[in-house]
Amino acid sequence: MIEKDTIKLLRECDAGIKMGVKSIDDVVDRVKSEEFRKRLIDCKKEHEELDRDLQSALERFKDDGKEPNPMAKGMSKMKTEMKMAMDESDATIADLMTDGCNMGVKSLNRYLNQYEAADEHAKDITKRLINLEEKLAIDIRKYL
C-alpha cells in the first residue's frame, strides 16, 4: 500500500509540475513588468529543481510519471487565450496564474489526503510543490 500510494502521489506531482511550467511558458513573454516576469522565471526554475528530485524518486520505483490531463491542459490554454484576447495586461496574467496556483494547491492537498500511506519523501515533495504554488500566488497579488 505504501509503494502504491507513493507512486500515485509522485505521479500527481509530476503532472502538477508539468502543468505549472507550461502555464508559465504560455504567459511569461506577454508580461510587461520586468519584476513580474523575473518572478515567473524564478518560479519556473524552482519547479524544474523540484522536478529533478521528483524524477529521481520516480526512477526508484521505475515509473515514468504522469502527463497532465489533456482536457485540463486544453481548457487552461483556451481560458488563457480567451482572457488575453480581451485584455492583455499583467493583471489578467496575474489573475490566470493565481487561479492556476489555487487549483494546484487544492488538488495537491486532496492527493496528500487521498494517498496518506505514501512515504515521507513523496509527501515532502508534494508539500514543497504546494508551498511553491502558494508563494507565487502571494507574490503576484500586487499585479491583480
N, C-alpha and C. Protein backbone atom coordinates (compact mmCIF):
# COMPACT_ATOMS: atom_id res chain seq x y z
N MET A 1 0.83 -1.20 0.00
CA MET A 1 0.00 0.00 0.00
C MET A 1 0.86 1.26 0.00
N ILE A 2 1.95 1.24 0.79
CA ILE A 2 2.83 2.41 0.86
C ILE A 2 3.39 2.71 -0.52
N GLU A 3 3.90 1.68 -1.20
CA GLU A 3 4.51 1.89 -2.51
C GLU A 3 3.48 2.40 -3.53
N LYS A 4 2.28 1.81 -3.52
CA LYS A 4 1.23 2.25 -4.46
C LYS A 4 0.86 3.71 -4.24
N ASP A 5 0.62 4.08 -2.99
CA ASP A 5 0.26 5.47 -2.68
C ASP A 5 1.42 6.42 -3.01
N THR A 6 2.63 5.98 -2.75
CA THR A 6 3.80 6.81 -3.04
C THR A 6 3.88 7.10 -4.54
N ILE A 7 3.76 6.07 -5.34
CA ILE A 7 3.83 6.24 -6.80
C ILE A 7 2.69 7.13 -7.29
N LYS A 8 1.49 6.92 -6.80
CA LYS A 8 0.35 7.73 -7.24
C LYS A 8 0.54 9.20 -6.86
N LEU A 9 1.04 9.45 -5.66
CA LEU A 9 1.27 10.82 -5.22
C LEU A 9 2.37 11.48 -6.07
N LEU A 10 3.44 10.76 -6.32
CA LEU A 10 4.53 11.27 -7.16
C LEU A 10 4.04 11.57 -8.58
N ARG A 11 3.19 10.71 -9.11
CA ARG A 11 2.63 10.95 -10.45
C ARG A 11 1.82 12.23 -10.50
N GLU A 12 1.02 12.47 -9.48
CA GLU A 12 0.21 13.70 -9.45
C GLU A 12 1.11 14.93 -9.35
N CYS A 13 2.18 14.84 -8.58
CA CYS A 13 3.14 15.95 -8.51
C CYS A 13 3.80 16.17 -9.87
N ASP A 14 4.12 15.09 -10.56
CA ASP A 14 4.72 15.18 -11.89
C ASP A 14 3.79 15.94 -12.84
N ALA A 15 2.54 15.55 -12.86
CA ALA A 15 1.56 16.23 -13.71
C ALA A 15 1.41 17.69 -13.30
N GLY A 16 1.41 17.95 -12.00
CA GLY A 16 1.27 19.31 -11.50
C GLY A 16 2.44 20.21 -11.87
N ILE A 17 3.64 19.69 -11.76
CA ILE A 17 4.82 20.46 -12.14
C ILE A 17 4.78 20.77 -13.63
N LYS A 18 4.47 19.77 -14.44
CA LYS A 18 4.41 19.99 -15.89
C LYS A 18 3.36 21.04 -16.23
N MET A 19 2.22 20.98 -15.56
CA MET A 19 1.14 21.94 -15.81
C MET A 19 1.59 23.36 -15.41
N GLY A 20 2.25 23.46 -14.27
CA GLY A 20 2.73 24.76 -13.80
C GLY A 20 3.76 25.37 -14.73
N VAL A 21 4.72 24.57 -15.16
CA VAL A 21 5.76 25.06 -16.08
C VAL A 21 5.14 25.48 -17.41
N LYS A 22 4.22 24.69 -17.92
CA LYS A 22 3.54 25.01 -19.18
C LYS A 22 2.75 26.31 -19.06
N SER A 23 2.07 26.49 -17.94
CA SER A 23 1.28 27.71 -17.72
C SER A 23 2.18 28.94 -17.70
N ILE A 24 3.32 28.83 -17.05
CA ILE A 24 4.27 29.94 -17.03
C ILE A 24 4.77 30.22 -18.44
N ASP A 25 5.14 29.17 -19.16
CA ASP A 25 5.62 29.33 -20.54
C ASP A 25 4.59 30.02 -21.42
N ASP A 26 3.31 29.74 -21.18
CA ASP A 26 2.24 30.31 -22.00
C ASP A 26 2.09 31.81 -21.85
N VAL A 27 2.54 32.36 -20.72
CA VAL A 27 2.29 33.79 -20.47
C VAL A 27 3.54 34.64 -20.26
N VAL A 28 4.65 34.06 -19.93
CA VAL A 28 5.82 34.84 -19.49
C VAL A 28 6.27 35.87 -20.52
N ASP A 29 6.19 35.57 -21.79
CA ASP A 29 6.62 36.52 -22.82
C ASP A 29 5.65 37.69 -22.99
N ARG A 30 4.47 37.58 -22.42
CA ARG A 30 3.46 38.64 -22.54
C ARG A 30 3.47 39.60 -21.35
N VAL A 31 4.25 39.25 -20.32
CA VAL A 31 4.30 40.06 -19.11
C VAL A 31 5.06 41.35 -19.40
N LYS A 32 4.48 42.46 -19.00
CA LYS A 32 5.09 43.77 -19.25
C LYS A 32 6.06 44.18 -18.13
N SER A 33 5.71 43.87 -16.89
CA SER A 33 6.56 44.23 -15.75
C SER A 33 7.78 43.31 -15.70
N GLU A 34 8.95 43.93 -15.67
CA GLU A 34 10.20 43.16 -15.59
C GLU A 34 10.26 42.35 -14.29
N GLU A 35 9.81 42.95 -13.19
CA GLU A 35 9.81 42.27 -11.88
C GLU A 35 8.88 41.05 -11.89
N PHE A 36 7.71 41.22 -12.48
CA PHE A 36 6.74 40.12 -12.58
C PHE A 36 7.31 39.00 -13.45
N ARG A 37 7.89 39.36 -14.58
CA ARG A 37 8.48 38.36 -15.48
C ARG A 37 9.58 37.58 -14.75
N LYS A 38 10.42 38.31 -14.02
CA LYS A 38 11.51 37.66 -13.28
C LYS A 38 10.95 36.69 -12.25
N ARG A 39 9.88 37.08 -11.57
CA ARG A 39 9.28 36.21 -10.56
C ARG A 39 8.77 34.92 -11.20
N LEU A 40 8.14 35.04 -12.39
CA LEU A 40 7.65 33.84 -13.09
C LEU A 40 8.81 32.96 -13.53
N ILE A 41 9.86 33.56 -14.05
CA ILE A 41 11.04 32.79 -14.49
C ILE A 41 11.68 32.08 -13.29
N ASP A 42 11.79 32.78 -12.17
CA ASP A 42 12.34 32.17 -10.96
C ASP A 42 11.48 31.01 -10.48
N CYS A 43 10.17 31.20 -10.55
CA CYS A 43 9.25 30.15 -10.12
C CYS A 43 9.38 28.93 -11.03
N LYS A 44 9.52 29.16 -12.31
CA LYS A 44 9.71 28.05 -13.26
C LYS A 44 10.98 27.28 -12.91
N LYS A 45 12.05 28.00 -12.59
CA LYS A 45 13.31 27.35 -12.21
C LYS A 45 13.13 26.52 -10.93
N GLU A 46 12.37 27.05 -9.98
CA GLU A 46 12.11 26.32 -8.74
C GLU A 46 11.31 25.04 -9.02
N HIS A 47 10.36 25.14 -9.94
CA HIS A 47 9.59 23.95 -10.34
C HIS A 47 10.52 22.91 -10.99
N GLU A 48 11.43 23.39 -11.84
CA GLU A 48 12.35 22.47 -12.52
C GLU A 48 13.32 21.82 -11.55
N GLU A 49 13.76 22.56 -10.53
CA GLU A 49 14.63 21.99 -9.50
C GLU A 49 13.89 20.91 -8.71
N LEU A 50 12.67 21.19 -8.35
CA LEU A 50 11.86 20.21 -7.62
C LEU A 50 11.59 19.00 -8.51
N ASP A 51 11.43 19.24 -9.80
CA ASP A 51 11.18 18.15 -10.74
C ASP A 51 12.35 17.17 -10.79
N ARG A 52 13.58 17.66 -10.65
CA ARG A 52 14.73 16.75 -10.63
C ARG A 52 14.64 15.77 -9.46
N ASP A 53 14.27 16.27 -8.30
CA ASP A 53 14.09 15.43 -7.12
C ASP A 53 12.94 14.44 -7.36
N LEU A 54 11.88 14.94 -7.93
CA LEU A 54 10.71 14.11 -8.23
C LEU A 54 11.06 12.99 -9.22
N GLN A 55 11.78 13.33 -10.28
CA GLN A 55 12.13 12.33 -11.30
C GLN A 55 13.02 11.24 -10.72
N SER A 56 13.94 11.60 -9.83
CA SER A 56 14.78 10.56 -9.23
C SER A 56 13.96 9.67 -8.30
N ALA A 57 12.94 10.25 -7.64
CA ALA A 57 12.05 9.44 -6.81
C ALA A 57 11.24 8.48 -7.68
N LEU A 58 10.75 8.97 -8.82
CA LEU A 58 10.00 8.10 -9.74
C LEU A 58 10.89 6.99 -10.30
N GLU A 59 12.15 7.32 -10.58
CA GLU A 59 13.09 6.32 -11.10
C GLU A 59 13.30 5.19 -10.11
N ARG A 60 13.32 5.52 -8.82
CA ARG A 60 13.48 4.48 -7.79
C ARG A 60 12.38 3.43 -7.91
N PHE A 61 11.21 3.86 -8.34
CA PHE A 61 10.07 2.94 -8.48
C PHE A 61 9.90 2.48 -9.93
N LYS A 62 10.86 2.86 -10.78
CA LYS A 62 10.81 2.51 -12.20
C LYS A 62 9.48 2.94 -12.83
N ASP A 63 9.10 4.19 -12.55
CA ASP A 63 7.84 4.73 -13.04
C ASP A 63 8.13 5.95 -13.93
N ASP A 64 7.35 6.08 -14.98
CA ASP A 64 7.54 7.16 -15.95
C ASP A 64 6.82 8.46 -15.59
N GLY A 65 6.06 8.45 -14.52
CA GLY A 65 5.34 9.66 -14.13
C GLY A 65 4.02 9.78 -14.84
N LYS A 66 3.54 11.02 -14.94
CA LYS A 66 2.20 11.25 -15.49
C LYS A 66 2.16 12.59 -16.21
N GLU A 67 1.52 12.59 -17.36
CA GLU A 67 1.27 13.83 -18.08
C GLU A 67 0.01 14.47 -17.51
N PRO A 68 -0.08 15.80 -17.60
CA PRO A 68 -1.31 16.45 -17.15
C PRO A 68 -2.51 15.97 -17.97
N ASN A 69 -3.67 16.02 -17.38
CA ASN A 69 -4.90 15.62 -18.07
C ASN A 69 -5.04 16.48 -19.33
N PRO A 70 -5.20 15.85 -20.50
CA PRO A 70 -5.31 16.61 -21.75
C PRO A 70 -6.49 17.59 -21.74
N MET A 71 -7.58 17.22 -21.11
CA MET A 71 -8.73 18.11 -21.03
C MET A 71 -8.39 19.34 -20.19
N ALA A 72 -7.73 19.13 -19.06
CA ALA A 72 -7.33 20.25 -18.20
C ALA A 72 -6.35 21.16 -18.93
N LYS A 73 -5.40 20.56 -19.64
CA LYS A 73 -4.43 21.36 -20.40
C LYS A 73 -5.13 22.19 -21.46
N GLY A 74 -6.03 21.57 -22.18
CA GLY A 74 -6.76 22.27 -23.23
C GLY A 74 -7.61 23.39 -22.71
N MET A 75 -8.31 23.13 -21.61
CA MET A 75 -9.17 24.15 -21.01
C MET A 75 -8.34 25.32 -20.49
N SER A 76 -7.20 25.02 -19.90
CA SER A 76 -6.32 26.05 -19.38
C SER A 76 -5.81 26.94 -20.53
N LYS A 77 -5.38 26.31 -21.59
CA LYS A 77 -4.87 27.05 -22.75
C LYS A 77 -5.98 27.92 -23.35
N MET A 78 -7.17 27.35 -23.48
CA MET A 78 -8.30 28.09 -24.05
C MET A 78 -8.67 29.29 -23.17
N LYS A 79 -8.71 29.08 -21.86
CA LYS A 79 -9.04 30.16 -20.93
C LYS A 79 -8.00 31.28 -21.03
N THR A 80 -6.74 30.89 -21.10
CA THR A 80 -5.66 31.86 -21.21
C THR A 80 -5.82 32.68 -22.48
N GLU A 81 -6.02 32.01 -23.60
CA GLU A 81 -6.13 32.71 -24.87
C GLU A 81 -7.35 33.63 -24.91
N MET A 82 -8.47 33.17 -24.39
CA MET A 82 -9.68 34.00 -24.38
C MET A 82 -9.50 35.25 -23.52
N LYS A 83 -8.99 35.06 -22.30
CA LYS A 83 -8.81 36.21 -21.41
C LYS A 83 -7.77 37.19 -21.95
N MET A 84 -6.71 36.65 -22.53
CA MET A 84 -5.66 37.51 -23.06
C MET A 84 -6.13 38.26 -24.31
N ALA A 85 -7.02 37.66 -25.07
CA ALA A 85 -7.57 38.34 -26.25
C ALA A 85 -8.40 39.54 -25.83
N MET A 86 -9.06 39.44 -24.68
CA MET A 86 -9.89 40.54 -24.20
C MET A 86 -9.07 41.62 -23.49
N ASP A 87 -8.01 41.19 -22.78
CA ASP A 87 -7.22 42.15 -22.00
C ASP A 87 -5.83 41.58 -21.77
N GLU A 88 -4.86 42.04 -22.54
CA GLU A 88 -3.51 41.51 -22.44
C GLU A 88 -2.68 42.34 -21.45
N SER A 89 -3.13 42.33 -20.19
CA SER A 89 -2.44 43.10 -19.15
C SER A 89 -1.79 42.17 -18.13
N ASP A 90 -0.90 42.74 -17.35
CA ASP A 90 -0.28 41.98 -16.27
C ASP A 90 -1.33 41.54 -15.25
N ALA A 91 -2.37 42.34 -15.07
CA ALA A 91 -3.44 41.98 -14.13
C ALA A 91 -4.15 40.71 -14.60
N THR A 92 -4.37 40.59 -15.89
CA THR A 92 -5.01 39.39 -16.44
C THR A 92 -4.12 38.17 -16.23
N ILE A 93 -2.83 38.36 -16.49
CA ILE A 93 -1.88 37.25 -16.31
C ILE A 93 -1.81 36.85 -14.83
N ALA A 94 -1.76 37.83 -13.95
CA ALA A 94 -1.72 37.53 -12.51
C ALA A 94 -2.99 36.79 -12.09
N ASP A 95 -4.12 37.19 -12.64
CA ASP A 95 -5.39 36.52 -12.34
C ASP A 95 -5.36 35.06 -12.80
N LEU A 96 -4.91 34.84 -14.02
CA LEU A 96 -4.82 33.48 -14.56
C LEU A 96 -3.87 32.62 -13.75
N MET A 97 -2.70 33.18 -13.42
CA MET A 97 -1.70 32.42 -12.66
C MET A 97 -2.19 32.13 -11.24
N THR A 98 -2.88 33.09 -10.64
CA THR A 98 -3.41 32.88 -9.29
C THR A 98 -4.45 31.77 -9.30
N ASP A 99 -5.34 31.78 -10.29
CA ASP A 99 -6.33 30.70 -10.42
C ASP A 99 -5.64 29.35 -10.56
N GLY A 100 -4.61 29.30 -11.40
CA GLY A 100 -3.88 28.04 -11.60
C GLY A 100 -3.20 27.57 -10.32
N CYS A 101 -2.57 28.49 -9.62
CA CYS A 101 -1.91 28.15 -8.35
C CYS A 101 -2.93 27.61 -7.35
N ASN A 102 -4.06 28.29 -7.24
CA ASN A 102 -5.08 27.86 -6.28
C ASN A 102 -5.63 26.48 -6.62
N MET A 103 -5.85 26.23 -7.91
CA MET A 103 -6.33 24.90 -8.32
C MET A 103 -5.28 23.84 -8.02
N GLY A 104 -4.01 24.17 -8.25
CA GLY A 104 -2.93 23.23 -7.96
C GLY A 104 -2.83 22.92 -6.48
N VAL A 105 -2.90 23.94 -5.65
CA VAL A 105 -2.83 23.75 -4.20
C VAL A 105 -3.99 22.88 -3.72
N LYS A 106 -5.17 23.17 -4.21
CA LYS A 106 -6.36 22.39 -3.82
C LYS A 106 -6.21 20.93 -4.23
N SER A 107 -5.81 20.69 -5.47
CA SER A 107 -5.65 19.32 -5.95
C SER A 107 -4.56 18.58 -5.18
N LEU A 108 -3.42 19.23 -4.99
CA LEU A 108 -2.31 18.57 -4.30
C LEU A 108 -2.66 18.23 -2.86
N ASN A 109 -3.38 19.12 -2.19
CA ASN A 109 -3.81 18.80 -0.82
C ASN A 109 -4.78 17.63 -0.82
N ARG A 110 -5.65 17.57 -1.81
CA ARG A 110 -6.58 16.45 -1.92
C ARG A 110 -5.80 15.14 -2.10
N TYR A 111 -4.79 15.16 -2.98
CA TYR A 111 -3.98 13.96 -3.21
C TYR A 111 -3.17 13.58 -1.98
N LEU A 112 -2.71 14.56 -1.24
CA LEU A 112 -1.97 14.30 0.00
C LEU A 112 -2.86 13.55 0.99
N ASN A 113 -4.13 13.95 1.05
CA ASN A 113 -5.08 13.25 1.93
C ASN A 113 -5.47 11.88 1.37
N GLN A 114 -5.65 11.81 0.08
CA GLN A 114 -6.08 10.56 -0.57
C GLN A 114 -5.01 9.48 -0.49
N TYR A 115 -3.75 9.86 -0.67
CA TYR A 115 -2.65 8.90 -0.66
C TYR A 115 -1.85 9.01 0.63
N GLU A 116 -2.56 8.92 1.75
CA GLU A 116 -1.94 9.13 3.06
C GLU A 116 -0.90 8.07 3.43
N ALA A 117 -0.92 6.93 2.75
CA ALA A 117 0.07 5.88 3.04
C ALA A 117 1.39 6.12 2.29
N ALA A 118 1.46 7.16 1.48
CA ALA A 118 2.69 7.46 0.72
C ALA A 118 3.85 7.69 1.69
N ASP A 119 5.06 7.42 1.20
CA ASP A 119 6.22 7.62 2.07
C ASP A 119 6.49 9.11 2.30
N GLU A 120 7.29 9.38 3.31
CA GLU A 120 7.52 10.77 3.72
C GLU A 120 8.22 11.60 2.65
N HIS A 121 9.08 10.97 1.86
CA HIS A 121 9.77 11.71 0.80
C HIS A 121 8.78 12.22 -0.24
N ALA A 122 7.83 11.38 -0.63
CA ALA A 122 6.80 11.79 -1.60
C ALA A 122 5.93 12.90 -1.01
N LYS A 123 5.59 12.75 0.26
CA LYS A 123 4.80 13.80 0.92
C LYS A 123 5.58 15.11 0.99
N ASP A 124 6.87 15.03 1.24
CA ASP A 124 7.71 16.22 1.31
C ASP A 124 7.75 16.93 -0.05
N ILE A 125 7.91 16.18 -1.13
CA ILE A 125 7.91 16.75 -2.47
C ILE A 125 6.58 17.47 -2.72
N THR A 126 5.49 16.82 -2.33
CA THR A 126 4.15 17.40 -2.53
C THR A 126 4.01 18.69 -1.74
N LYS A 127 4.46 18.69 -0.50
CA LYS A 127 4.36 19.90 0.33
C LYS A 127 5.24 21.02 -0.21
N ARG A 128 6.38 20.67 -0.74
CA ARG A 128 7.26 21.69 -1.34
C ARG A 128 6.60 22.30 -2.57
N LEU A 129 5.94 21.47 -3.36
CA LEU A 129 5.23 21.97 -4.54
C LEU A 129 4.07 22.86 -4.13
N ILE A 130 3.33 22.45 -3.13
CA ILE A 130 2.23 23.27 -2.60
C ILE A 130 2.77 24.63 -2.16
N ASN A 131 3.89 24.62 -1.44
CA ASN A 131 4.49 25.87 -0.96
C ASN A 131 4.92 26.79 -2.11
N LEU A 132 5.47 26.19 -3.17
CA LEU A 132 5.85 26.98 -4.35
C LEU A 132 4.63 27.68 -4.94
N GLU A 133 3.55 26.93 -5.08
CA GLU A 133 2.32 27.47 -5.67
C GLU A 133 1.72 28.56 -4.78
N GLU A 134 1.68 28.31 -3.49
CA GLU A 134 1.13 29.30 -2.55
C GLU A 134 1.96 30.58 -2.56
N LYS A 135 3.27 30.42 -2.58
CA LYS A 135 4.17 31.59 -2.56
C LYS A 135 4.00 32.41 -3.84
N LEU A 136 3.90 31.76 -4.98
CA LEU A 136 3.72 32.50 -6.23
C LEU A 136 2.42 33.30 -6.19
N ALA A 137 1.34 32.66 -5.75
CA ALA A 137 0.05 33.35 -5.68
C ALA A 137 0.13 34.59 -4.79
N ILE A 138 0.85 34.49 -3.69
CA ILE A 138 1.01 35.64 -2.79
C ILE A 138 1.90 36.71 -3.43
N ASP A 139 3.00 36.29 -4.03
CA ASP A 139 3.95 37.23 -4.62
C ASP A 139 3.37 38.05 -5.76
N ILE A 140 2.40 37.50 -6.48
CA ILE A 140 1.87 38.21 -7.65
C ILE A 140 0.57 38.96 -7.37
N ARG A 141 0.13 38.97 -6.12
CA ARG A 141 -1.11 39.69 -5.77
C ARG A 141 -1.05 41.16 -6.15
N LYS A 142 0.12 41.73 -6.07
CA LYS A 142 0.24 43.16 -6.36
C LYS A 142 -0.01 43.50 -7.82
N TYR A 143 -0.06 42.48 -8.68
CA TYR A 143 -0.33 42.70 -10.10
C TYR A 143 -1.80 42.51 -10.46
N LEU A 144 -2.59 42.04 -9.50
CA LEU A 144 -4.03 41.80 -9.76
C LEU A 144 -4.77 43.11 -9.99
